[in-house]
């Protein structure tokens, strides 16, 4: 098996399982662990995986995107901390857009229950969680085509609804955020919904784990400078957080 063939198999394995480890790959591929580590470094250089201690996980791209079910199993403690810190930025907002994804869903669940809020979301999971809660929140689920993997609505029905609102605050997620290319997502239909939410809202907060930073997907829908705050976990190095803050937003590491 050539290096190219081996690396293709590593990417396929990572996408099937959600992550891979060096020891298992070495046994499966019949090569030394150092060979696997070199392969993972090469794949990371090409933006296909992100290395971890002892392994790697796949990076979302134009042709690959993880499901909502998978996202609920990854980096959960970090995502809960990020969600709590993001919810603290609510301020006096009365109307709030909550993006699709697991971290935005956690933000929605962390919003105060003792004051009236109107939450707009394209996420069926978020709408369901809020509607079942005991709070004063009114939930508006944006209509449209439901994406199978993320259980969120997209297409012109969704963007048309958003265009008719003026929203106080939008909590936005992304598949990747970089200082050069801004906020990106693999699916153009998803990018249109996110861009419409950014246009409709007066304030914008990005929330995402450290692995999102430096990653670039197919469709750009916003710039770093569009956001008043970026909330992430403490594994994003402080110098890198400072570089993002130079473009305008406050960067909060929790």
Protein backbone atom coordinates (compact mmCIF):
# COMPACT_ATOMS: atom_id res chain seq x y z
CA UNK A 1 0.00 0.00 0.00
CA UNK A 2 1.44 3.35 -1.03
CA UNK A 3 1.47 6.38 1.27
CA UNK A 4 -1.38 7.94 -0.73
CA UNK A 5 -3.51 4.79 -0.48
CA UNK A 6 -2.72 4.48 3.22
CA UNK A 7 -3.71 8.08 3.88
CA UNK A 8 -6.98 7.68 1.97
CA UNK A 9 -7.80 4.67 4.15
CA UNK A 10 -6.99 6.66 7.30
CA UNK A 11 -9.38 9.42 6.26
CA UNK A 12 -12.11 6.89 5.47
CA UNK A 13 -11.62 5.20 8.85
CA UNK A 14 -11.72 8.54 10.68
CA UNK A 15 -14.96 9.53 8.95
CA UNK A 16 -16.58 6.16 9.64
CA UNK A 17 -15.71 6.07 13.34
CA UNK A 18 -15.42 9.77 14.16
CA UNK A 19 -11.79 9.36 15.27
CA UNK A 20 -8.78 7.07 14.91
CA UNK A 21 -5.82 6.18 17.10
CA UNK A 22 -2.25 5.54 16.07
CA UNK A 23 -1.90 2.09 17.63
CA UNK A 24 -5.00 0.65 15.98
CA UNK A 25 -4.13 2.16 12.60
CA UNK A 26 -0.60 0.73 12.76
CA UNK A 27 -2.00 -2.76 13.37
CA UNK A 28 -4.67 -2.47 10.68
CA UNK A 29 -2.32 -1.07 8.06
CA UNK A 30 0.65 -3.26 8.97
CA UNK A 31 3.06 -0.33 9.40
CA UNK A 32 5.03 1.25 12.23
CA UNK A 33 3.40 3.80 14.53
CA UNK A 34 5.83 6.45 13.33
CA UNK A 35 4.64 5.86 9.76
CA UNK A 36 1.06 6.46 10.89
CA UNK A 37 2.14 9.62 12.71
CA UNK A 38 3.80 10.91 9.52
CA UNK A 39 0.61 10.14 7.60
CA UNK A 40 -1.47 12.03 10.16
CA UNK A 41 0.87 15.02 9.97
CA UNK A 42 0.54 15.04 6.18
CA UNK A 43 -3.25 14.75 6.39
CA UNK A 44 -3.39 17.57 8.92
CA UNK A 45 -1.26 19.75 6.61
CA UNK A 46 -3.87 19.13 3.90
CA UNK A 47 -6.73 20.06 6.26
CA UNK A 48 -8.30 16.59 6.32
CA UNK A 49 -7.77 15.66 9.98
CA UNK A 50 -6.86 17.29 13.25
CA UNK A 51 -4.32 15.42 15.36
CA UNK A 52 -4.90 14.67 19.03
CA UNK A 53 -2.75 12.96 21.64
CA UNK A 54 -2.42 9.47 20.20
CA UNK A 55 -4.73 9.88 17.22
CA UNK A 56 -6.82 12.21 15.08
CA UNK A 57 -10.37 13.12 14.10
CA UNK A 58 -11.74 14.19 10.71
CA UNK A 59 -12.13 17.82 9.70
CA UNK A 60 -15.42 18.76 8.08
CA UNK A 61 -15.14 19.85 4.46
CA UNK A 62 -17.22 20.49 1.35
CA UNK A 63 -17.82 16.76 0.97
CA UNK A 64 -18.01 15.66 4.60
CA UNK A 65 -19.92 16.84 7.63
CA UNK A 66 -20.46 15.17 11.01
CA UNK A 67 -23.99 14.50 12.25
CA UNK A 68 -25.69 16.15 15.21
CA UNK A 69 -25.72 12.78 17.01
CA UNK A 70 -21.94 12.54 16.68
CA UNK A 71 -21.41 16.11 17.88
CA UNK A 72 -23.28 15.37 21.11
CA UNK A 73 -20.53 12.91 22.05
CA UNK A 74 -17.47 15.08 21.41
CA UNK A 75 -15.88 17.67 23.76
CA UNK A 76 -19.08 17.85 25.83
CA UNK A 77 -17.57 19.44 29.00
CA UNK A 78 -15.87 22.13 26.91
CA UNK A 79 -19.06 22.80 24.95
CA UNK A 80 -21.07 23.18 28.15
CA UNK A 81 -18.59 25.73 29.51
CA UNK A 82 -18.67 27.63 26.21
CA UNK A 83 -22.48 27.60 26.19
CA UNK A 84 -22.71 28.96 29.73
CA UNK A 85 -20.26 31.78 28.95
CA UNK A 86 -22.06 32.62 25.71
CA UNK A 87 -25.44 32.73 27.47
CA UNK A 88 -23.97 35.24 29.93
CA UNK A 89 -23.57 37.65 26.98
CA UNK A 90 -27.34 37.89 26.48
CA UNK A 91 -27.52 41.37 28.00
CA UNK A 92 -30.87 43.07 27.43
CA UNK A 93 -31.69 41.10 24.27
CA UNK A 94 -35.31 40.03 23.97
CA UNK A 95 -35.19 38.31 20.57
CA UNK A 96 -32.47 35.74 19.96
CA UNK A 97 -31.45 33.59 17.00
CA UNK A 98 -29.97 30.19 17.90
CA UNK A 99 -27.99 28.49 15.14
CA UNK A 100 -28.09 24.77 14.33
CA UNK A 101 -25.65 22.44 16.10
CA UNK A 102 -25.03 21.00 19.53
CA UNK A 103 -23.17 23.93 21.12
CA UNK A 104 -25.91 26.42 20.10
CA UNK A 105 -28.48 23.99 21.54
CA UNK A 106 -26.60 24.05 24.84
CA UNK A 107 -26.60 27.87 24.69
CA UNK A 108 -30.37 27.85 24.27
CA UNK A 109 -30.76 25.59 27.27
CA UNK A 110 -28.47 27.88 29.32
CA UNK A 111 -30.48 31.05 28.63
CA UNK A 112 -32.29 32.48 31.69
CA UNK A 113 -35.70 30.95 32.35
CA UNK A 114 -36.99 33.79 34.54
CA UNK A 115 -37.50 36.42 31.83
CA UNK A 116 -39.52 36.50 28.60
CA UNK A 117 -37.51 35.73 25.47
CA UNK A 118 -38.36 35.04 21.86
CA UNK A 119 -36.01 32.48 20.32
CA UNK A 120 -35.82 31.88 16.57
CA UNK A 121 -34.04 28.75 15.40
CA UNK A 122 -33.67 26.49 12.37
CA UNK A 123 -32.83 23.55 14.67
CA UNK A 124 -35.57 21.04 15.42
CA UNK A 125 -33.60 19.74 18.41
CA UNK A 126 -33.22 23.22 19.91
CA UNK A 127 -36.87 24.11 19.32
CA UNK A 128 -37.98 20.87 20.95
CA UNK A 129 -35.70 21.33 23.98
CA UNK A 130 -36.92 24.89 24.57
CA UNK A 131 -40.59 24.09 24.00
CA UNK A 132 -40.48 21.31 26.59
CA UNK A 133 -38.78 23.49 29.21
CA UNK A 134 -40.53 25.37 31.98
CA UNK A 135 -39.73 28.96 31.06
CA UNK A 136 -41.16 32.13 29.55
CA UNK A 137 -39.52 31.54 26.18
CA UNK A 138 -41.53 31.77 22.98
CA UNK A 139 -40.05 29.53 20.28
CA UNK A 140 -40.28 30.26 16.56
CA UNK A 141 -39.08 27.37 14.40
CA UNK A 142 -37.99 28.53 10.95
CA UNK A 143 -39.57 26.50 8.16
CA UNK A 144 -37.80 24.81 5.27
CA UNK A 145 -36.20 21.58 4.12
CA UNK A 146 -34.92 19.52 7.04
CA UNK A 147 -31.35 18.31 6.68
CA UNK A 148 -31.06 14.67 7.68
CA UNK A 149 -27.76 14.78 9.58
CA UNK A 150 -28.23 18.00 11.55
CA UNK A 151 -32.05 18.15 11.86
CA UNK A 152 -32.06 21.80 10.82
CA UNK A 153 -34.06 23.68 8.17
CA UNK A 154 -32.53 25.36 5.12
CA UNK A 155 -33.35 26.81 1.68
CA UNK A 156 -35.37 29.83 0.62
CA UNK A 157 -38.24 29.26 3.05
CA UNK A 158 -35.83 29.64 5.97
CA UNK A 159 -33.96 32.66 4.65
CA UNK A 160 -37.19 34.38 3.61
CA UNK A 161 -38.55 34.11 7.15
CA UNK A 162 -35.32 35.49 8.59
CA UNK A 163 -35.35 38.45 6.22
CA UNK A 164 -38.56 39.71 7.82
CA UNK A 165 -37.15 40.03 11.34
CA UNK A 166 -34.93 42.41 13.29
CA UNK A 167 -33.21 40.26 15.90
CA UNK A 168 -31.40 41.58 18.97
CA UNK A 169 -28.73 38.86 19.19
CA UNK A 170 -27.62 35.92 17.06
CA UNK A 171 -25.63 33.02 18.46
CA UNK A 172 -23.77 31.61 15.46
CA UNK A 173 -21.78 28.41 14.98
CA UNK A 174 -19.50 27.39 12.13
CA UNK A 175 -17.57 24.41 10.85
CA UNK A 176 -14.46 26.54 10.67
CA UNK A 177 -13.22 29.99 11.64
CA UNK A 178 -9.99 31.55 10.43
CA UNK A 179 -8.52 35.03 10.50
CA UNK A 180 -7.99 34.95 6.73
CA UNK A 181 -11.24 33.39 5.50
CA UNK A 182 -13.70 34.19 8.29
CA UNK A 183 -16.51 31.79 9.24
CA UNK A 184 -17.20 28.89 6.89
CA UNK A 185 -19.46 25.87 6.48
CA UNK A 186 -19.47 22.99 3.96
CA UNK A 187 -23.06 23.34 2.69
CA UNK A 188 -24.11 26.40 0.63
CA UNK A 189 -27.71 26.10 1.85
CA UNK A 190 -26.54 26.22 5.47
CA UNK A 191 -24.27 29.15 4.66
CA UNK A 192 -27.24 31.10 3.28
CA UNK A 193 -29.21 30.60 6.51
CA UNK A 194 -26.28 31.67 8.66
CA UNK A 195 -25.62 34.72 6.48
CA UNK A 196 -29.31 35.68 6.67
CA UNK A 197 -29.20 35.42 10.45
CA UNK A 198 -26.11 37.64 10.58
CA UNK A 199 -27.86 40.23 8.40
CA UNK A 200 -31.03 40.14 10.52
CA UNK A 201 -29.31 40.49 13.91
CA UNK A 202 -27.89 43.63 15.51
CA UNK A 203 -25.41 41.72 17.68
CA UNK A 204 -23.47 38.56 16.88
CA UNK A 205 -21.67 36.03 19.10
CA UNK A 206 -19.68 33.07 17.77
CA UNK A 207 -19.39 30.01 19.99
CA UNK A 208 -17.20 27.02 19.13
CA UNK A 209 -14.49 24.73 20.46
CA UNK A 210 -10.80 25.31 19.80
CA UNK A 211 -10.64 22.75 16.97
CA UNK A 212 -12.79 25.05 14.79
CA UNK A 213 -10.02 27.66 14.67
CA UNK A 214 -7.85 27.60 11.59
CA UNK A 215 -10.25 25.21 9.83
CA UNK A 216 -11.71 26.33 6.49
CA UNK A 217 -14.78 24.88 4.76
CA UNK A 218 -16.32 25.57 1.36
CA UNK A 219 -18.74 28.47 1.97
CA UNK A 220 -17.90 31.71 3.77
CA UNK A 221 -20.89 33.39 5.40
CA UNK A 222 -19.36 36.00 7.73
CA UNK A 223 -16.13 37.75 8.71
CA UNK A 224 -14.48 37.67 12.12
CA UNK A 225 -15.01 41.44 12.38
CA UNK A 226 -18.81 40.93 12.22
CA UNK A 227 -18.81 39.58 15.79
CA UNK A 228 -18.76 41.36 19.11
CA UNK A 229 -17.52 38.24 20.90
CA UNK A 230 -15.97 34.84 20.24
CA UNK A 231 -16.42 32.22 22.96
CA UNK A 232 -14.23 29.13 22.96
CA UNK A 233 -12.37 26.84 25.34
CA UNK A 234 -8.98 27.39 26.96
CA UNK A 235 -7.22 25.02 24.57
CA UNK A 236 -7.12 27.82 22.01
CA UNK A 237 -3.68 29.34 22.75
CA UNK A 238 -3.81 32.83 24.25
CA UNK A 239 -1.56 34.34 21.53
CA UNK A 240 -3.89 32.99 18.84
CA UNK A 241 -6.94 34.33 20.70
CA UNK A 242 -5.25 37.73 20.77
CA UNK A 243 -4.73 37.65 16.99
CA UNK A 244 -8.46 37.12 16.50
CA UNK A 245 -9.26 39.94 18.93
CA UNK A 246 -7.24 42.34 16.77
CA UNK A 247 -9.99 42.01 14.16
CA UNK A 248 -12.58 43.39 16.57
CA UNK A 249 -14.32 40.79 18.74
CA UNK A 250 -13.69 40.10 22.40
CA UNK A 251 -12.30 36.57 22.68
CA UNK A 252 -13.42 34.66 25.76
CA UNK A 253 -11.60 31.43 26.68
CA UNK A 254 -13.28 29.20 29.29
